[in-house]
C-alpha atoms as a PDB file:
ATOM      1  CA  MET A   1      13.483  38.204 134.322  1.00  0.00           C
ATOM      2  CA  PRO A   2      13.578  38.519 130.731  1.00  0.00           C
ATOM      3  CA  LEU A   3      10.103  38.356 128.934  1.00  0.00           C
ATOM      4  CA  SER A   4       8.965  35.447 126.814  1.00  0.00           C
ATOM      5  CA  ALA A   5       7.335  35.387 123.252  1.00  0.00           C
ATOM      6  CA  ASP A   6       3.773  34.535 125.240  1.00  0.00           C
ATOM      7  CA  GLU A   7       3.835  37.617 127.390  1.00  0.00           C
ATOM      8  CA  VAL A   8       4.778  39.994 124.356  1.00  0.00           C
ATOM      9  CA  LYS A   9       2.543  37.828 121.604  1.00  0.00           C
ATOM     10  CA  CYS A  10      -0.752  39.478 122.787  1.00  0.00           C
ATOM     11  CA  ALA A  11       1.128  42.971 120.750  1.00  0.00           C
ATOM     12  CA  GLY A  12       0.483  41.139 117.718  1.00  0.00           C
ATOM     13  CA  CYS A  13      -3.359  40.697 118.129  1.00  0.00           C
ATOM     14  CA  CYS A  14      -4.271  44.392 117.236  1.00  0.00           C
ATOM     15  CA  GLU A  15      -2.992  46.824 114.933  1.00  0.00           C
ATOM     16  CA  ALA A  16       0.036  48.313 116.629  1.00  0.00           C
ATOM     17  CA  THR A  17       2.139  50.438 114.510  1.00  0.00           C
ATOM     18  CA  GLU A  18       5.736  50.592 113.822  1.00  0.00           C
ATOM     19  CA  GLU A  19       6.665  53.036 116.351  1.00  0.00           C
ATOM     20  CA  GLN A  20       4.527  51.152 119.105  1.00  0.00           C
ATOM     21  CA  LEU A  21       6.145  47.731 118.066  1.00  0.00           C
ATOM     22  CA  LEU A  22      10.138  48.969 117.767  1.00  0.00           C
ATOM     23  CA  ALA A  23       9.460  50.309 121.706  1.00  0.00           C
ATOM     24  CA  GLN A  24       8.477  47.108 122.634  1.00  0.00           C
ATOM     25  CA  LEU A  25      11.148  45.094 120.908  1.00  0.00           C
ATOM     26  CA  ASP A  26      13.202  48.163 122.885  1.00  0.00           C
ATOM     27  CA  ASP A  27      11.525  47.140 126.321  1.00  0.00           C
ATOM     28  CA  VAL A  28      12.683  43.021 125.388  1.00  0.00           C
ATOM     29  CA  LEU A  29      16.224  44.616 124.645  1.00  0.00           C
ATOM     30  CA  LYS A  30      16.398  46.106 128.243  1.00  0.00           C
ATOM     31  CA  GLU A  31      15.152  42.735 129.571  1.00  0.00           C
ATOM     32  CA  TYR A  32      17.875  40.860 127.612  1.00  0.00           C
ATOM     33  CA  ALA A  33      20.460  42.988 127.087  1.00  0.00           C
ATOM     34  CA  ASP A  34      22.630  41.419 129.759  1.00  0.00           C
ATOM     35  CA  VAL A  35      21.459  37.713 129.101  1.00  0.00           C
ATOM     36  CA  PRO A  36      23.647  35.406 128.112  1.00  0.00           C
ATOM     37  CA  GLY A  37      22.760  33.350 124.812  1.00  0.00           C
ATOM     38  CA  ALA A  38      20.067  36.026 124.129  1.00  0.00           C
ATOM     39  CA  LEU A  39      20.054  36.466 120.479  1.00  0.00           C
ATOM     40  CA  ILE A  40      17.743  33.492 119.263  1.00  0.00           C
ATOM     41  CA  PRO A  41      14.522  34.324 121.995  1.00  0.00           C
ATOM     42  CA  VAL A  42      15.239  38.276 121.096  1.00  0.00           C
ATOM     43  CA  LEU A  43      14.767  37.010 117.559  1.00  0.00           C
ATOM     44  CA  GLN A  44      11.963  34.717 118.322  1.00  0.00           C
ATOM     45  CA  ILE A  45       9.937  37.427 120.587  1.00  0.00           C
ATOM     46  CA  ALA A  46      10.783  40.478 117.867  1.00  0.00           C
ATOM     47  CA  GLN A  47       9.231  37.883 115.017  1.00  0.00           C
ATOM     48  CA  SER A  48       5.915  36.696 117.548  1.00  0.00           C
ATOM     49  CA  LEU A  49       5.877  40.917 117.464  1.00  0.00           C
ATOM     50  CA  PHE A  50       6.540  41.926 113.658  1.00  0.00           C
ATOM     51  CA  GLY A  51       4.936  38.776 112.267  1.00  0.00           C
ATOM     52  CA  TYR A  52       8.173  38.775 110.464  1.00  0.00           C
ATOM     53  CA  LEU A  53      11.995  40.558 111.211  1.00  0.00           C
ATOM     54  CA  PRO A  54      12.180  43.882 109.323  1.00  0.00           C
ATOM     55  CA  GLU A  55      15.790  45.082 108.779  1.00  0.00           C
ATOM     56  CA  GLN A  56      15.000  48.276 111.358  1.00  0.00           C
ATOM     57  CA  ALA A  57      14.766  45.509 114.050  1.00  0.00           C
ATOM     58  CA  LEU A  58      17.601  43.452 113.148  1.00  0.00           C
ATOM     59  CA  LYS A  59      19.845  46.445 113.518  1.00  0.00           C
ATOM     60  CA  ARG A  60      18.372  47.656 116.774  1.00  0.00           C
ATOM     61  CA  ILE A  61      18.977  43.946 117.869  1.00  0.00           C
ATOM     62  CA  ALA A  62      22.537  44.016 117.003  1.00  0.00           C
ATOM     63  CA  LEU A  63      23.170  47.492 118.526  1.00  0.00           C
ATOM     64  CA  ALA A  64      21.755  46.322 122.024  1.00  0.00           C
ATOM     65  CA  LEU A  65      23.227  43.047 121.735  1.00  0.00           C
ATOM     66  CA  ASN A  66      26.283  44.359 120.930  1.00  0.00           C
ATOM     67  CA  LYS A  67      26.550  42.147 118.041  1.00  0.00           C
ATOM     68  CA  SER A  68      27.302  42.852 114.511  1.00  0.00           C
ATOM     69  CA  TYR A  69      24.480  43.054 111.972  1.00  0.00           C
ATOM     70  CA  SER A  70      26.261  40.408 109.582  1.00  0.00           C
ATOM     71  CA  GLU A  71      26.006  37.939 112.892  1.00  0.00           C
ATOM     72  CA  VAL A  72      22.558  38.699 113.345  1.00  0.00           C
ATOM     73  CA  ALA A  73      21.184  38.716 109.739  1.00  0.00           C
ATOM     74  CA  GLY A  74      23.655  35.135 109.426  1.00  0.00           C
ATOM     75  CA  VAL A  75      21.650  33.138 112.428  1.00  0.00           C
ATOM     76  CA  VAL A  76      18.407  34.172 110.798  1.00  0.00           C
ATOM     77  CA  GLY A  77      19.447  33.135 107.489  1.00  0.00           C
ATOM     78  CA  PHE A  78      20.640  29.940 109.060  1.00  0.00           C
ATOM     79  CA  TYR A  79      17.305  29.117 110.926  1.00  0.00           C
ATOM     80  CA  SER A  80      14.462  28.335 108.606  1.00  0.00           C
ATOM     81  CA  PHE A  81      12.273  29.248 111.414  1.00  0.00           C
ATOM     82  CA  PHE A  82      13.079  33.045 110.804  1.00  0.00           C
ATOM     83  CA  THR A  83      11.470  35.079 107.719  1.00  0.00           C
ATOM     84  CA  THR A  84      12.528  39.000 106.839  1.00  0.00           C
ATOM     85  CA  VAL A  85       9.416  38.841 104.712  1.00  0.00           C
ATOM     86  CA  PRO A  86       6.073  39.326 106.228  1.00  0.00           C
ATOM     87  CA  ARG A  87       3.864  35.760 106.510  1.00  0.00           C
ATOM     88  CA  GLY A  88       0.597  35.270 105.995  1.00  0.00           C
ATOM     89  CA  LYS A  89      -1.723  34.175 109.038  1.00  0.00           C
ATOM     90  CA  HIS A  90      -1.419  30.282 108.085  1.00  0.00           C
ATOM     91  CA  LEU A  91       1.899  28.220 106.433  1.00  0.00           C
ATOM     92  CA  VAL A  92       1.132  26.524 103.712  1.00  0.00           C
ATOM     93  CA  ARG A  93       3.981  24.114 102.832  1.00  0.00           C
ATOM     94  CA  VAL A  94       4.073  21.367 100.047  1.00  0.00           C
ATOM     95  CA  CYS A  95       6.018  18.264  99.925  1.00  0.00           C
ATOM     96  CA  LEU A  96       8.195  17.451  97.223  1.00  0.00           C
ATOM     97  CA  GLY A  97      10.287  14.848  98.747  1.00  0.00           C
ATOM     98  CA  THR A  98      10.715  11.813  95.823  1.00  0.00           C
ATOM     99  CA  ALA A  99       7.669  10.142  96.977  1.00  0.00           C
ATOM    100  CA  CYS A 100       5.429  13.612  96.978  1.00  0.00           C
ATOM    101  CA  TYR A 101       7.103  14.388  93.924  1.00  0.00           C
ATOM    102  CA  VAL A 102       6.568  11.079  92.280  1.00  0.00           C
ATOM    103  CA  ARG A 103       2.208  10.838  93.465  1.00  0.00           C
ATOM    104  CA  GLY A 104       1.721  14.513  92.211  1.00  0.00           C
ATOM    105  CA  GLY A 105       3.177  16.722  94.416  1.00  0.00           C
ATOM    106  CA  LYS A 106       4.597  19.223  91.786  1.00  0.00           C
ATOM    107  CA  GLN A 107       0.554  19.409  90.224  1.00  0.00           C
ATOM    108  CA  VAL A 108      -0.571  20.423  94.056  1.00  0.00           C
ATOM    109  CA  LEU A 109       1.938  22.899  94.611  1.00  0.00           C
ATOM    110  CA  ALA A 110       0.896  24.119  90.932  1.00  0.00           C
ATOM    111  CA  GLU A 111      -3.035  24.323  92.012  1.00  0.00           C
ATOM    112  CA  LEU A 112      -1.683  26.495  95.424  1.00  0.00           C
ATOM    113  CA  LYS A 113      -0.305  28.414  93.565  1.00  0.00           C
ATOM    114  CA  ASN A 114      -2.990  29.316  91.696  1.00  0.00           C
ATOM    115  CA  LEU A 115      -5.521  29.384  94.110  1.00  0.00           C
ATOM    116  CA  LEU A 116      -3.502  31.563  96.358  1.00  0.00           C
ATOM    117  CA  ARG A 117      -2.177  33.692  93.383  1.00  0.00           C
ATOM    118  CA  ILE A 118       1.393  33.664  94.958  1.00  0.00           C
ATOM    119  CA  GLU A 119       4.611  32.026  93.854  1.00  0.00           C
ATOM    120  CA  VAL A 120       6.785  29.870  96.772  1.00  0.00           C
ATOM    121  CA  GLY A 121       7.871  31.784  99.367  1.00  0.00           C
ATOM    122  CA  GLU A 122       5.219  34.778  98.883  1.00  0.00           C
ATOM    123  CA  THR A 123       2.347  35.585 101.223  1.00  0.00           C
ATOM    124  CA  THR A 124      -1.290  36.615  99.752  1.00  0.00           C
ATOM    125  CA  SER A 125      -2.396  40.217  99.661  1.00  0.00           C
ATOM    126  CA  ASP A 126      -4.699  39.613 102.834  1.00  0.00           C
ATOM    127  CA  ARG A 127      -1.888  38.156 104.796  1.00  0.00           C
ATOM    128  CA  GLN A 128      -4.166  35.123 105.332  1.00  0.00           C
ATOM    129  CA  PHE A 129      -1.467  32.632 103.283  1.00  0.00           C
ATOM    130  CA  SER A 130       2.109  32.418 102.976  1.00  0.00           C
ATOM    131  CA  LEU A 131       3.326  29.580 100.621  1.00  0.00           C
ATOM    132  CA  ASP A 132       6.451  27.258 100.871  1.00  0.00           C
ATOM    133  CA  VAL A 133       7.941  23.663 100.031  1.00  0.00           C
ATOM    134  CA  GLY A 134       9.462  21.122 102.161  1.00  0.00           C
ATOM    135  CA  ARG A 135      11.746  18.071 101.218  1.00  0.00           C
ATOM    136  CA  CYS A 136      10.177  15.389 103.564  1.00  0.00           C
ATOM    137  CA  PHE A 137       7.873  15.456 105.924  1.00  0.00           C
ATOM    138  CA  GLY A 138       8.293  11.820 107.159  1.00  0.00           C
ATOM    139  CA  ALA A 139       4.583  10.509 105.472  1.00  0.00           C
ATOM    140  CA  CYS A 140       6.188   9.085 102.250  1.00  0.00           C
ATOM    141  CA  GLY A 141       3.044   6.590 102.514  1.00  0.00           C
ATOM    142  CA  LEU A 142       0.386   8.824 102.422  1.00  0.00           C
ATOM    143  CA  ALA A 143       1.997  11.552  99.708  1.00  0.00           C
ATOM    144  CA  PRO A 144       1.456  13.854  98.516  1.00  0.00           C
ATOM    145  CA  VAL A 145       1.411  15.704 101.535  1.00  0.00           C
ATOM    146  CA  ILE A 146       0.765  19.208 102.914  1.00  0.00           C
ATOM    147  CA  MET A 147       0.932  20.908 106.049  1.00  0.00           C
ATOM    148  CA  ILE A 148      -0.962  23.779 107.035  1.00  0.00           C
ATOM    149  CA  ASP A 149       0.593  25.437 110.001  1.00  0.00           C
ATOM    150  CA  ASN A 150       0.550  21.812 112.150  1.00  0.00           C
ATOM    151  CA  ASP A 151      -1.996  19.835 110.454  1.00  0.00           C
ATOM    152  CA  VAL A 152      -0.791  17.401 108.046  1.00  0.00           C
ATOM    153  CA  HIS A 153      -3.224  16.767 104.898  1.00  0.00           C
ATOM    154  CA  GLN A 154      -2.637  13.327 103.201  1.00  0.00           C
ATOM    155  CA  ARG A 155      -3.306  12.036  99.672  1.00  0.00           C
ATOM    156  CA  VAL A 156      -4.067  15.669  98.418  1.00  0.00           C
ATOM    157  CA  LYS A 157      -5.690  16.265  94.994  1.00  0.00           C
ATOM    158  CA  PRO A 158      -5.595  19.509  93.277  1.00  0.00           C
ATOM    159  CA  ALA A 159      -9.389  19.321  92.925  1.00  0.00           C
ATOM    160  CA  ARG A 160      -9.522  19.038  96.887  1.00  0.00           C
ATOM    161  CA  LEU A 161      -7.334  21.867  97.644  1.00  0.00           C
ATOM    162  CA  ALA A 162     -10.268  24.557  97.586  1.00  0.00           C
ATOM    163  CA  LYS A 163     -11.940  22.824 100.148  1.00  0.00           C
ATOM    164  CA  ILE A 164      -8.826  21.794 102.759  1.00  0.00           C
ATOM    165  CA  LEU A 165      -8.153  25.528 102.513  1.00  0.00           C
ATOM    166  CA  GLU A 166     -11.532  26.718 103.392  1.00  0.00           C
ATOM    167  CA  PRO A 167     -11.219  26.521 107.179  1.00  0.00           C
ATOM    168  CA  TYR A 168      -8.015  27.974 107.524  1.00  0.00           C
ATOM    169  CA  ARG A 169      -9.359  31.186 105.741  1.00  0.00           C
ATOM    170  CA  ASP A 170     -10.226  34.314 107.993  1.00  0.00           C
ATOM    171  CA  ALA A 171     -14.256  34.694 107.917  1.00  0.00           C
ATOM    172  CA  GLU A 172     -13.593  38.417 107.946  1.00  0.00           C
ATOM    173  CA  ALA A 173     -11.411  38.285 104.919  1.00  0.00           C
ATOM    174  CA  SER A 174     -13.977  35.395 103.277  1.00  0.00           C
ATOM    175  CA  ASN A 175     -16.801  37.975 103.747  1.00  0.00           C
ATOM    176  CA  ARG A 176     -14.745  41.140 101.959  1.00  0.00           C
ATOM    177  CA  ASP A 177     -14.180  38.631  98.992  1.00  0.00           C
ATOM    178  CA  GLY A 178     -18.029  38.010  99.215  1.00  0.00           C
ATOM    179  CA  LYS A 179     -17.432  34.259 100.142  1.00  0.00           C
ATOM    180  CA  GLY A 180     -19.238  34.787 103.279  1.00  0.00           C
ATOM    181  CA  ASP A 181     -20.561  31.844 105.897  1.00  0.00           C
ATOM    182  CA  ALA A 182     -23.025  30.632 103.084  1.00  0.00           C
ATOM    183  CA  GLN A 183     -21.507  27.074 103.204  1.00  0.00           C
ATOM    184  CA  ALA A 184     -23.373  24.353 104.940  1.00  0.00           C
ATOM    185  CA  SER A 185     -20.653  22.685 107.533  1.00  0.00           C
END
């Protein structure tokens, strides 16, 4: 039976070398070699291993599943879930749909860029946050809205963003930055 993403997810919890990750990917590819419709599940597992889909992994997947590289890259480019650049531990998405845009979404995005020191599509150097935009999160009456992972934050004001981000910051990364656990809850 093919491996699931959960069964290989533990590989991402500790720092594995690229060679170790590629070896794990090779094991997955052996399991899925003759499974019809294996491309998307294999891409999902590969992304859970690496945290993104590096070119070397895409080439191995194409070869093992007897697909062209362009077909594999096309699937990766089509689905927004897949990424070929490393993502942070937390995905911050700003809604820029009409209601959110009119009610201050652009200013929220500008402040997030300032706080995180990254542009849309980038990841912070400590790999804690990635920044993206969306067109509608279905919460127009609560605009402007941001999502951090699966958490929706409504009626967001730029001045509150630092406080909203704080619970998502890795304690170890905060300690490196000198911010520690000095704040009271």
